[in-house]
Amino acid sequence: MNKNKFLQYFKWVWVIAVIGFIAFYFIQHLPEAIQYFSTVPTGSVLFSILLLFCARLLIILLALQSVKTGDWHPPYLQMFSIFSISQLGKYIPGGVWHFAARINSYKENSMTNAKVLQTMVIESVWMVSGSVAFVAIMFSIQHAMTGAVIIKSFQVPEILWKLLPWITIVAWIIGLAIIDKRYPVQDNRPKFIRIIFLILIQFSVWLALGGSFYLLFQSAGLENIWLVLGGYALSWVAGYVVPFAPGGIGIREAVQVIFFSPIATPEQIAIISIVHRMLYTITEVILGLIGFYLAKRYTPEKEAVPNETPGD
């Protein structure tokens, strides 16, 4: 069996395994999800799904920028295919298969181990730092609008609340500038434009993800929108940095209960989280199937070797 056939078989095994574990999760939680869906306006559900698609496309764009800090500069659609297919692996128990799949794809495109490590670390730093910055800004706005303390057991001085968004923005820019100086994205844009572009991508990612969750959180109210946006971003990145939790299951829900308990019961938060995860998973599966279709375009074909004839 040649390598191409093996990869084709492996991809189908991958798809079957992912679908199996996703189906198991859905079957477990389908009754309560259907019941909750009946209480949410159809428009809110559809707009939530739209925001999830936008967020995933932006995350792929961010991953592409990290790849471009090296020598390989794939087109967006190729990065879309690699990222969308590999991300399905996080639903397989073990929680690290999506990283392994993407690393393998990078190596297939002649990236060295050092460049692969560089790319993955930079992408993770951007995701985590962007989330932390977004959370700080959202929580600061929530406090300014409602006087909320966010976490009752952790009192923040009023002067720090006022300074927090400005300190965050300055630290965010400085951090990105330090990374750009050592590992710049290889394009023709000025450094300042590259940094602003990264900030816009990261901010938009968390705004879209948090917005999709807020649209399902019917009891939150407009006055708590900043809390929900920031709390969801923090819960998402908490699941992201714990690699052995498949898709962040359990981790995100625990963080959400901590931050959203003042505005909803733990039972309500749990069902909202389950419904949102279902929509998120469906989004990733759809993008993954599109990625499989696009993969054919970027799979290098084996060059035909001309038959030798006597006398040649």
C-alpha atoms as a PDB file:
ATOM      1  CA  MET A   1       0.000   0.000   0.000  1.00  0.00           C
ATOM      2  CA  ASN A   2       1.490   3.344  -1.031  1.00  0.00           C
ATOM      3  CA  LYS A   3       1.473   6.416   1.170  1.00  0.00           C
ATOM      4  CA  ASN A   4      -1.379   8.196  -0.625  1.00  0.00           C
ATOM      5  CA  LYS A   5      -3.742   5.222  -0.227  1.00  0.00           C
ATOM      6  CA  PHE A   6      -2.796   4.871   3.419  1.00  0.00           C
ATOM      7  CA  LEU A   7      -3.577   8.546   4.008  1.00  0.00           C
ATOM      8  CA  GLN A   8      -6.942   8.184   2.279  1.00  0.00           C
ATOM      9  CA  TYR A   9      -7.858   5.186   4.476  1.00  0.00           C
ATOM     10  CA  PHE A  10      -6.619   7.008   7.564  1.00  0.00           C
ATOM     11  CA  LYS A  11      -8.748  10.065   6.753  1.00  0.00           C
ATOM     12  CA  TRP A  12     -11.877   7.899   6.501  1.00  0.00           C
ATOM     13  CA  VAL A  13     -11.071   6.169   9.790  1.00  0.00           C
ATOM     14  CA  TRP A  14     -10.559   9.639  11.263  1.00  0.00           C
ATOM     15  CA  VAL A  15     -13.967  10.798   9.994  1.00  0.00           C
ATOM     16  CA  ILE A  16     -15.755   7.702  11.312  1.00  0.00           C
ATOM     17  CA  ALA A  17     -14.121   8.037  14.751  1.00  0.00           C
ATOM     18  CA  VAL A  18     -14.986  11.742  14.987  1.00  0.00           C
ATOM     19  CA  ILE A  19     -18.593  11.203  13.881  1.00  0.00           C
ATOM     20  CA  GLY A  20     -18.932   8.344  16.367  1.00  0.00           C
ATOM     21  CA  PHE A  21     -17.795  10.372  19.368  1.00  0.00           C
ATOM     22  CA  ILE A  22     -19.809  13.429  18.320  1.00  0.00           C
ATOM     23  CA  ALA A  23     -22.922  11.285  17.827  1.00  0.00           C
ATOM     24  CA  PHE A  24     -22.431   9.765  21.290  1.00  0.00           C
ATOM     25  CA  TYR A  25     -22.235  13.257  22.837  1.00  0.00           C
ATOM     26  CA  PHE A  26     -25.308  14.451  20.944  1.00  0.00           C
ATOM     27  CA  ILE A  27     -27.407  11.415  21.870  1.00  0.00           C
ATOM     28  CA  GLN A  28     -26.547  11.917  25.543  1.00  0.00           C
ATOM     29  CA  HIS A  29     -27.753  15.523  25.593  1.00  0.00           C
ATOM     30  CA  LEU A  30     -30.328  15.705  22.815  1.00  0.00           C
ATOM     31  CA  PRO A  31     -33.542  15.755  24.934  1.00  0.00           C
ATOM     32  CA  GLU A  32     -32.573  18.765  27.065  1.00  0.00           C
ATOM     33  CA  ALA A  33     -31.082  20.533  24.029  1.00  0.00           C
ATOM     34  CA  ILE A  34     -34.339  20.188  22.066  1.00  0.00           C
ATOM     35  CA  GLN A  35     -36.290  21.459  25.048  1.00  0.00           C
ATOM     36  CA  TYR A  36     -34.063  24.537  25.376  1.00  0.00           C
ATOM     37  CA  PHE A  37     -34.069  25.234  21.619  1.00  0.00           C
ATOM     38  CA  SER A  38     -37.849  25.576  21.832  1.00  0.00           C
ATOM     39  CA  THR A  39     -37.391  28.581  24.171  1.00  0.00           C
ATOM     40  CA  VAL A  40     -34.910  30.446  21.963  1.00  0.00           C
ATOM     41  CA  PRO A  41     -36.092  32.546  18.974  1.00  0.00           C
ATOM     42  CA  THR A  42     -35.161  30.983  15.630  1.00  0.00           C
ATOM     43  CA  GLY A  43     -33.476  34.207  14.547  1.00  0.00           C
ATOM     44  CA  SER A  44     -31.168  34.110  17.580  1.00  0.00           C
ATOM     45  CA  VAL A  45     -30.170  30.509  16.840  1.00  0.00           C
ATOM     46  CA  LEU A  46     -29.455  31.251  13.153  1.00  0.00           C
ATOM     47  CA  PHE A  47     -27.447  34.385  13.970  1.00  0.00           C
ATOM     48  CA  SER A  48     -25.539  32.449  16.623  1.00  0.00           C
ATOM     49  CA  ILE A  49     -24.578  29.842  14.003  1.00  0.00           C
ATOM     50  CA  LEU A  50     -23.532  32.597  11.583  1.00  0.00           C
ATOM     51  CA  LEU A  51     -21.257  34.116  14.221  1.00  0.00           C
ATOM     52  CA  LEU A  52     -19.721  30.693  14.884  1.00  0.00           C
ATOM     53  CA  PHE A  53     -18.868  30.302  11.193  1.00  0.00           C
ATOM     54  CA  CYS A  54     -17.342  33.790  11.166  1.00  0.00           C
ATOM     55  CA  ALA A  55     -15.295  33.008  14.281  1.00  0.00           C
ATOM     56  CA  ARG A  56     -13.939  29.759  12.824  1.00  0.00           C
ATOM     57  CA  LEU A  57     -12.936  31.480   9.580  1.00  0.00           C
ATOM     58  CA  LEU A  58     -11.146  34.184  11.574  1.00  0.00           C
ATOM     59  CA  ILE A  59      -9.310  31.612  13.708  1.00  0.00           C
ATOM     60  CA  ILE A  60      -8.080  29.967  10.499  1.00  0.00           C
ATOM     61  CA  LEU A  61      -6.899  33.382   9.284  1.00  0.00           C
ATOM     62  CA  LEU A  62      -4.987  33.822  12.549  1.00  0.00           C
ATOM     63  CA  ALA A  63      -3.413  30.360  12.159  1.00  0.00           C
ATOM     64  CA  LEU A  64      -2.396  31.325   8.625  1.00  0.00           C
ATOM     65  CA  GLN A  65      -0.587  34.395   9.957  1.00  0.00           C
ATOM     66  CA  SER A  66       1.397  32.180  12.347  1.00  0.00           C
ATOM     67  CA  VAL A  67       2.386  29.870   9.470  1.00  0.00           C
ATOM     68  CA  LYS A  68       3.550  32.904   7.507  1.00  0.00           C
ATOM     69  CA  THR A  69       6.162  33.645  10.177  1.00  0.00           C
ATOM     70  CA  GLY A  70       8.059  30.772   8.539  1.00  0.00           C
ATOM     71  CA  ASP A  71       9.067  29.925   4.999  1.00  0.00           C
ATOM     72  CA  TRP A  72       5.844  28.261   3.840  1.00  0.00           C
ATOM     73  CA  HIS A  73       3.055  30.619   2.747  1.00  0.00           C
ATOM     74  CA  PRO A  74      -0.031  28.560   1.818  1.00  0.00           C
ATOM     75  CA  PRO A  75      -3.149  30.157   0.325  1.00  0.00           C
ATOM     76  CA  TYR A  76      -6.097  30.660   2.662  1.00  0.00           C
ATOM     77  CA  LEU A  77      -8.134  27.778   1.210  1.00  0.00           C
ATOM     78  CA  GLN A  78      -5.302  25.305   1.777  1.00  0.00           C
ATOM     79  CA  MET A  79      -4.953  26.488   5.373  1.00  0.00           C
ATOM     80  CA  PHE A  80      -8.740  26.233   5.687  1.00  0.00           C
ATOM     81  CA  SER A  81      -8.597  22.597   4.578  1.00  0.00           C
ATOM     82  CA  ILE A  82      -5.725  21.645   6.908  1.00  0.00           C
ATOM     83  CA  PHE A  83      -7.161  23.442   9.936  1.00  0.00           C
ATOM     84  CA  SER A  84     -10.793  22.367   9.472  1.00  0.00           C
ATOM     85  CA  ILE A  85      -9.915  18.688   9.059  1.00  0.00           C
ATOM     86  CA  SER A  86      -7.395  18.557  11.907  1.00  0.00           C
ATOM     87  CA  GLN A  87      -9.692  20.356  14.381  1.00  0.00           C
ATOM     88  CA  LEU A  88     -12.158  17.478  14.274  1.00  0.00           C
ATOM     89  CA  GLY A  89      -9.573  15.383  16.101  1.00  0.00           C
ATOM     90  CA  LYS A  90     -10.111  17.244  19.362  1.00  0.00           C
ATOM     91  CA  TYR A  91     -13.390  15.364  19.834  1.00  0.00           C
ATOM     92  CA  ILE A  92     -11.534  12.050  19.988  1.00  0.00           C
ATOM     93  CA  PRO A  93     -10.612  11.070  23.575  1.00  0.00           C
ATOM     94  CA  GLY A  94      -7.084  12.169  24.371  1.00  0.00           C
ATOM     95  CA  GLY A  95      -7.687  15.747  23.291  1.00  0.00           C
ATOM     96  CA  VAL A  96      -4.389  16.130  21.417  1.00  0.00           C
ATOM     97  CA  TRP A  97      -5.171  14.528  18.073  1.00  0.00           C
ATOM     98  CA  HIS A  98      -5.993  17.839  16.383  1.00  0.00           C
ATOM     99  CA  PHE A  99      -2.500  19.087  17.246  1.00  0.00           C
ATOM    100  CA  ALA A 100      -0.921  15.865  15.970  1.00  0.00           C
ATOM    101  CA  ALA A 101      -2.886  16.030  12.701  1.00  0.00           C
ATOM    102  CA  ARG A 102      -1.908  19.638  12.023  1.00  0.00           C
ATOM    103  CA  ILE A 103       1.738  19.006  12.849  1.00  0.00           C
ATOM    104  CA  ASN A 104       1.730  16.120  10.375  1.00  0.00           C
ATOM    105  CA  SER A 105       0.154  18.343   7.687  1.00  0.00           C
ATOM    106  CA  TYR A 106       2.763  21.031   8.257  1.00  0.00           C
ATOM    107  CA  LYS A 107       5.563  18.484   7.928  1.00  0.00           C
ATOM    108  CA  GLU A 108       4.033  17.139   4.712  1.00  0.00           C
ATOM    109  CA  ASN A 109       4.490  20.643   3.332  1.00  0.00           C
ATOM    110  CA  SER A 110       8.230  20.608   4.086  1.00  0.00           C
ATOM    111  CA  MET A 111       8.147  22.522   7.358  1.00  0.00           C
ATOM    112  CA  THR A 112      10.997  21.607   9.695  1.00  0.00           C
ATOM    113  CA  ASN A 113      10.369  20.537  13.287  1.00  0.00           C
ATOM    114  CA  ALA A 114      11.687  23.892  14.489  1.00  0.00           C
ATOM    115  CA  LYS A 115       9.334  25.842  12.210  1.00  0.00           C
ATOM    116  CA  VAL A 116       6.365  23.661  13.187  1.00  0.00           C
ATOM    117  CA  LEU A 117       7.065  24.293  16.874  1.00  0.00           C
ATOM    118  CA  GLN A 118       7.511  28.010  16.218  1.00  0.00           C
ATOM    119  CA  THR A 119       4.231  28.223  14.328  1.00  0.00           C
ATOM    120  CA  MET A 120       2.202  26.303  16.911  1.00  0.00           C
ATOM    121  CA  VAL A 121       3.628  28.262  19.860  1.00  0.00           C
ATOM    122  CA  ILE A 122       3.040  31.651  18.212  1.00  0.00           C
ATOM    123  CA  GLU A 123      -0.543  30.723  17.325  1.00  0.00           C
ATOM    124  CA  SER A 124      -1.222  29.563  20.894  1.00  0.00           C
ATOM    125  CA  VAL A 125       0.330  32.710  22.383  1.00  0.00           C
ATOM    126  CA  TRP A 126      -1.802  34.877  20.103  1.00  0.00           C
ATOM    127  CA  MET A 127      -4.976  32.968  21.018  1.00  0.00           C
ATOM    128  CA  VAL A 128      -4.356  33.071  24.773  1.00  0.00           C
ATOM    129  CA  SER A 129      -3.055  36.648  24.955  1.00  0.00           C
ATOM    130  CA  GLY A 130      -5.891  37.890  22.731  1.00  0.00           C
ATOM    131  CA  SER A 131      -8.413  36.177  24.973  1.00  0.00           C
ATOM    132  CA  VAL A 132      -6.918  37.632  28.155  1.00  0.00           C
ATOM    133  CA  ALA A 133      -6.887  41.130  26.642  1.00  0.00           C
ATOM    134  CA  PHE A 134     -10.474  40.771  25.437  1.00  0.00           C
ATOM    135  CA  VAL A 135     -11.619  39.506  28.853  1.00  0.00           C
ATOM    136  CA  ALA A 136      -9.949  42.411  30.667  1.00  0.00           C
ATOM    137  CA  ILE A 137     -11.577  44.963  28.376  1.00  0.00           C
ATOM    138  CA  MET A 138     -15.044  43.348  28.532  1.00  0.00           C
ATOM    139  CA  PHE A 139     -14.982  42.983  32.321  1.00  0.00           C
ATOM    140  CA  SER A 140     -13.835  46.608  32.674  1.00  0.00           C
ATOM    141  CA  ILE A 141     -16.769  47.794  30.563  1.00  0.00           C
ATOM    142  CA  GLN A 142     -19.171  45.582  32.563  1.00  0.00           C
ATOM    143  CA  HIS A 143     -17.898  47.090  35.823  1.00  0.00           C
ATOM    144  CA  ALA A 144     -18.136  50.634  34.471  1.00  0.00           C
ATOM    145  CA  MET A 145     -21.701  50.070  33.223  1.00  0.00           C
ATOM    146  CA  THR A 146     -23.163  48.183  36.196  1.00  0.00           C
ATOM    147  CA  GLY A 147     -20.622  48.337  39.020  1.00  0.00           C
ATOM    148  CA  ALA A 148     -20.352  44.541  38.979  1.00  0.00           C
ATOM    149  CA  VAL A 149     -17.433  43.086  40.949  1.00  0.00           C
ATOM    150  CA  ILE A 150     -17.257  40.107  38.513  1.00  0.00           C
ATOM    151  CA  ILE A 151     -15.832  37.737  41.149  1.00  0.00           C
ATOM    152  CA  LYS A 152     -17.225  38.327  44.648  1.00  0.00           C
ATOM    153  CA  SER A 153     -14.280  36.740  46.427  1.00  0.00           C
ATOM    154  CA  PHE A 154     -11.776  38.911  44.550  1.00  0.00           C
ATOM    155  CA  GLN A 155     -12.148  42.644  45.102  1.00  0.00           C
ATOM    156  CA  VAL A 156     -10.406  44.933  42.585  1.00  0.00           C
ATOM    157  CA  PRO A 157      -9.649  48.568  43.576  1.00  0.00           C
ATOM    158  CA  GLU A 158     -11.664  51.121  41.603  1.00  0.00           C
ATOM    159  CA  ILE A 159      -8.553  52.836  40.257  1.00  0.00           C
ATOM    160  CA  LEU A 160      -7.373  49.523  38.791  1.00  0.00           C
ATOM    161  CA  TRP A 161     -10.714  49.029  37.016  1.00  0.00           C
ATOM    162  CA  LYS A 162     -10.261  52.418  35.358  1.00  0.00           C
ATOM    163  CA  LEU A 163      -6.673  51.733  34.332  1.00  0.00           C
ATOM    164  CA  LEU A 164      -7.168  48.092  33.329  1.00  0.00           C
ATOM    165  CA  PRO A 165      -8.376  48.590  29.727  1.00  0.00           C
ATOM    166  CA  TRP A 166      -5.585  51.050  28.930  1.00  0.00           C
ATOM    167  CA  ILE A 167      -2.912  48.895  30.539  1.00  0.00           C
ATOM    168  CA  THR A 168      -4.310  45.920  28.627  1.00  0.00           C
ATOM    169  CA  ILE A 169      -4.212  47.648  25.236  1.00  0.00           C
ATOM    170  CA  VAL A 170      -0.648  48.909  25.757  1.00  0.00           C
ATOM    171  CA  ALA A 171       0.560  45.499  26.972  1.00  0.00           C
ATOM    172  CA  TRP A 172      -1.218  43.800  24.039  1.00  0.00           C
ATOM    173  CA  ILE A 173       0.504  46.024  21.486  1.00  0.00           C
ATOM    174  CA  ILE A 174       3.919  45.663  23.152  1.00  0.00           C
ATOM    175  CA  GLY A 175       3.588  41.872  23.332  1.00  0.00           C
ATOM    176  CA  LEU A 176       2.667  41.581  19.659  1.00  0.00           C
ATOM    177  CA  ALA A 177       5.484  43.950  18.727  1.00  0.00           C
ATOM    178  CA  ILE A 178       8.027  41.799  20.590  1.00  0.00           C
ATOM    179  CA  ILE A 179       6.873  38.661  18.769  1.00  0.00           C
ATOM    180  CA  ASP A 180       6.815  40.518  15.440  1.00  0.00           C
ATOM    181  CA  LYS A 181      10.389  41.701  15.929  1.00  0.00           C
ATOM    182  CA  ARG A 182      11.652  38.127  16.347  1.00  0.00           C
ATOM    183  CA  TYR A 183       9.127  36.273  14.164  1.00  0.00           C
ATOM    184  CA  PRO A 184       7.510  38.747  11.742  1.00  0.00           C
ATOM    185  CA  VAL A 185       4.672  37.696   9.456  1.00  0.00           C
ATOM    186  CA  GLN A 186       6.285  37.543   6.019  1.00  0.00           C
ATOM    187  CA  ASP A 187       4.349  40.097   3.974  1.00  0.00           C
ATOM    188  CA  ASN A 188       4.864  43.598   2.594  1.00  0.00           C
ATOM    189  CA  ARG A 189       2.817  45.450   5.184  1.00  0.00           C
ATOM    190  CA  PRO A 190       4.490  47.836   7.671  1.00  0.00           C
ATOM    191  CA  LYS A 191       5.028  46.467  11.170  1.00  0.00           C
ATOM    192  CA  PHE A 192       2.389  48.738  12.735  1.00  0.00           C
ATOM    193  CA  ILE A 193      -0.233  47.590  10.210  1.00  0.00           C
ATOM    194  CA  ARG A 194       0.635  43.931  10.887  1.00  0.00           C
ATOM    195  CA  ILE A 195       0.123  44.431  14.619  1.00  0.00           C
ATOM    196  CA  ILE A 196      -3.185  46.273  14.190  1.00  0.00           C
ATOM    197  CA  PHE A 197      -4.336  43.526  11.792  1.00  0.00           C
ATOM    198  CA  LEU A 198      -3.562  40.838  14.394  1.00  0.00           C
ATOM    199  CA  ILE A 199      -5.412  42.769  17.103  1.00  0.00           C
ATOM    200  CA  LEU A 200      -8.464  43.149  14.858  1.00  0.00           C
ATOM    201  CA  ILE A 201      -8.471  39.415  14.056  1.00  0.00           C
ATOM    202  CA  GLN A 202      -8.120  38.383  17.696  1.00  0.00           C
ATOM    203  CA  PHE A 203     -10.721  40.864  18.953  1.00  0.00           C
ATOM    204  CA  SER A 204     -13.163  39.826  16.230  1.00  0.00           C
ATOM    205  CA  VAL A 205     -12.687  36.121  17.050  1.00  0.00           C
ATOM    206  CA  TRP A 206     -13.702  36.590  20.680  1.00  0.00           C
ATOM    207  CA  LEU A 207     -16.466  39.041  19.855  1.00  0.00           C
ATOM    208  CA  ALA A 208     -18.011  36.527  17.428  1.00  0.00           C
ATOM    209  CA  LEU A 209     -17.634  33.531  19.768  1.00  0.00           C
ATOM    210  CA  GLY A 210     -18.935  35.415  22.790  1.00  0.00           C
ATOM    211  CA  GLY A 211     -21.749  36.928  20.735  1.00  0.00           C
ATOM    212  CA  SER A 212     -22.871  33.495  19.553  1.00  0.00           C
ATOM    213  CA  PHE A 213     -23.062  32.330  23.178  1.00  0.00           C
ATOM    214  CA  TYR A 214     -24.871  35.481  24.341  1.00  0.00           C
ATOM    215  CA  LEU A 215     -27.604  35.026  21.727  1.00  0.00           C
ATOM    216  CA  LEU A 216     -28.502  31.692  23.366  1.00  0.00           C
ATOM    217  CA  PHE A 217     -28.282  33.112  26.907  1.00  0.00           C
ATOM    218  CA  GLN A 218     -31.851  34.427  26.972  1.00  0.00           C
ATOM    219  CA  SER A 219     -31.894  35.259  30.690  1.00  0.00           C
ATOM    220  CA  ALA A 220     -28.660  37.296  30.656  1.00  0.00           C
ATOM    221  CA  GLY A 221     -30.242  40.580  29.574  1.00  0.00           C
ATOM    222  CA  LEU A 222     -28.584  43.424  27.714  1.00  0.00           C
ATOM    223  CA  GLU A 223     -27.035  44.772  30.927  1.00  0.00           C
ATOM    224  CA  ASN A 224     -24.848  41.673  31.256  1.00  0.00           C
ATOM    225  CA  ILE A 225     -23.647  41.392  27.668  1.00  0.00           C
ATOM    226  CA  TRP A 226     -20.080  42.428  28.507  1.00  0.00           C
ATOM    227  CA  LEU A 227     -19.905  39.865  31.316  1.00  0.00           C
ATOM    228  CA  VAL A 228     -21.108  37.099  28.976  1.00  0.00           C
ATOM    229  CA  LEU A 229     -18.705  38.084  26.182  1.00  0.00           C
ATOM    230  CA  GLY A 230     -15.714  38.164  28.510  1.00  0.00           C
ATOM    231  CA  GLY A 231     -16.734  35.123  30.549  1.00  0.00           C
ATOM    232  CA  TYR A 232     -17.181  32.971  27.481  1.00  0.00           C
ATOM    233  CA  ALA A 233     -13.780  34.010  26.084  1.00  0.00           C
ATOM    234  CA  LEU A 234     -12.152  33.073  29.381  1.00  0.00           C
ATOM    235  CA  SER A 235     -13.941  29.710  29.509  1.00  0.00           C
ATOM    236  CA  TRP A 236     -12.991  28.936  25.883  1.00  0.00           C
ATOM    237  CA  VAL A 237      -9.310  29.593  26.430  1.00  0.00           C
ATOM    238  CA  ALA A 238      -9.403  27.605  29.685  1.00  0.00           C
ATOM    239  CA  GLY A 239     -10.547  24.600  27.655  1.00  0.00           C
ATOM    240  CA  TYR A 240      -7.948  25.407  24.999  1.00  0.00           C
ATOM    241  CA  VAL A 241      -4.975  25.280  27.372  1.00  0.00           C
ATOM    242  CA  VAL A 242      -6.047  21.948  28.919  1.00  0.00           C
ATOM    243  CA  PRO A 243      -5.093  19.624  26.040  1.00  0.00           C
ATOM    244  CA  PHE A 244      -6.378  16.334  27.468  1.00  0.00           C
ATOM    245  CA  ALA A 245      -9.997  17.504  27.779  1.00  0.00           C
ATOM    246  CA  PRO A 246     -11.658  16.610  24.439  1.00  0.00           C
ATOM    247  CA  GLY A 247     -12.881  19.904  22.990  1.00  0.00           C
ATOM    248  CA  GLY A 248     -12.484  21.504  26.429  1.00  0.00           C
ATOM    249  CA  ILE A 249     -15.486  19.516  27.698  1.00  0.00           C
ATOM    250  CA  GLY A 250     -15.959  20.046  31.435  1.00  0.00           C
ATOM    251  CA  ILE A 251     -13.372  22.818  31.709  1.00  0.00           C
ATOM    252  CA  ARG A 252     -15.353  25.483  29.867  1.00  0.00           C
ATOM    253  CA  GLU A 253     -18.540  24.604  31.698  1.00  0.00           C
ATOM    254  CA  ALA A 254     -16.845  24.899  35.106  1.00  0.00           C
ATOM    255  CA  VAL A 255     -15.452  28.362  34.287  1.00  0.00           C
ATOM    256  CA  GLN A 256     -18.840  29.510  32.966  1.00  0.00           C
ATOM    257  CA  VAL A 257     -20.553  28.474  36.203  1.00  0.00           C
ATOM    258  CA  ILE A 258     -18.054  30.584  38.163  1.00  0.00           C
ATOM    259  CA  PHE A 259     -18.627  33.770  36.167  1.00  0.00           C
ATOM    260  CA  PHE A 260     -22.306  33.417  35.220  1.00  0.00           C
ATOM    261  CA  SER A 261     -23.685  32.159  38.549  1.00  0.00           C
ATOM    262  CA  PRO A 262     -24.797  35.701  39.575  1.00  0.00           C
ATOM    263  CA  ILE A 263     -27.188  35.840  36.583  1.00  0.00           C
ATOM    264  CA  ALA A 264     -28.274  32.193  36.148  1.00  0.00           C
ATOM    265  CA  THR A 265     -28.453  28.888  38.009  1.00  0.00           C
ATOM    266  CA  PRO A 266     -25.762  26.230  37.398  1.00  0.00           C
ATOM    267  CA  GLU A 267     -28.417  24.063  35.699  1.00  0.00           C
ATOM    268  CA  GLN A 268     -29.317  26.855  33.264  1.00  0.00           C
ATOM    269  CA  ILE A 269     -25.658  27.553  32.511  1.00  0.00           C
ATOM    270  CA  ALA A 270     -25.012  23.860  31.875  1.00  0.00           C
ATOM    271  CA  ILE A 271     -27.838  23.497  29.334  1.00  0.00           C
ATOM    272  CA  ILE A 272     -26.875  26.731  27.528  1.00  0.00           C
ATOM    273  CA  SER A 273     -23.309  25.452  27.322  1.00  0.00           C
ATOM    274  CA  ILE A 274     -24.499  22.097  25.922  1.00  0.00           C
ATOM    275  CA  VAL A 275     -26.706  23.766  23.286  1.00  0.00           C
ATOM    276  CA  HIS A 276     -23.918  26.140  22.253  1.00  0.00           C
ATOM    277  CA  ARG A 277     -21.408  23.292  22.067  1.00  0.00           C
ATOM    278  CA  MET A 278     -23.782  21.383  19.794  1.00  0.00           C
ATOM    279  CA  LEU A 279     -24.017  24.331  17.416  1.00  0.00           C
ATOM    280  CA  TYR A 280     -20.256  24.808  17.617  1.00  0.00           C
ATOM    281  CA  THR A 281     -19.645  21.141  16.856  1.00  0.00           C
ATOM    282  CA  ILE A 282     -22.051  21.156  13.914  1.00  0.00           C
ATOM    283  CA  THR A 283     -20.221  24.201  12.559  1.00  0.00           C
ATOM    284  CA  GLU A 284     -16.857  22.460  12.839  1.00  0.00           C
ATOM    285  CA  VAL A 285     -18.159  19.281  11.195  1.00  0.00           C
ATOM    286  CA  ILE A 286     -19.559  21.251   8.237  1.00  0.00           C
ATOM    287  CA  LEU A 287     -16.272  23.139   7.836  1.00  0.00           C
ATOM    288  CA  GLY A 288     -14.371  19.850   8.184  1.00  0.00           C
ATOM    289  CA  LEU A 289     -16.387  18.253   5.367  1.00  0.00           C
ATOM    290  CA  ILE A 290     -15.680  21.276   3.173  1.00  0.00           C
ATOM    291  CA  GLY A 291     -12.032  20.923   4.153  1.00  0.00           C
ATOM    292  CA  PHE A 292     -12.016  17.287   2.991  1.00  0.00           C
ATOM    293  CA  TYR A 293     -13.417  18.381  -0.356  1.00  0.00           C
ATOM    294  CA  LEU A 294     -10.793  21.121  -0.734  1.00  0.00           C
ATOM    295  CA  ALA A 295      -7.994  18.755   0.320  1.00  0.00           C
ATOM    296  CA  LYS A 296      -8.126  17.072  -3.099  1.00  0.00           C
ATOM    297  CA  ARG A 297      -7.078  20.340  -4.697  1.00  0.00           C
ATOM    298  CA  TYR A 298      -3.938  20.603  -2.577  1.00  0.00           C
ATOM    299  CA  THR A 299      -2.903  16.925  -2.433  1.00  0.00           C
ATOM    300  CA  PRO A 300       0.291  16.606  -4.472  1.00  0.00           C
ATOM    301  CA  GLU A 301      -0.077  13.997  -7.163  1.00  0.00           C
ATOM    302  CA  LYS A 302       2.639  11.478  -7.684  1.00  0.00           C
ATOM    303  CA  GLU A 303       4.495  12.229 -10.889  1.00  0.00           C
ATOM    304  CA  ALA A 304       4.235   9.536 -13.520  1.00  0.00           C
ATOM    305  CA  VAL A 305       7.491   7.798 -14.322  1.00  0.00           C
ATOM    306  CA  PRO A 306       7.919   7.229 -18.090  1.00  0.00           C
ATOM    307  CA  ASN A 307       8.341   3.636 -19.153  1.00  0.00           C
ATOM    308  CA  GLU A 308      11.841   2.788 -20.241  1.00  0.00           C
ATOM    309  CA  THR A 309      12.302   0.990 -23.516  1.00  0.00           C
ATOM    310  CA  PRO A 310      15.353  -0.938 -24.644  1.00  0.00           C
ATOM    311  CA  GLY A 311      17.858   1.270 -26.251  1.00  0.00           C
ATOM    312  CA  ASP A 312      16.837   4.412 -24.350  1.00  0.00           C
END
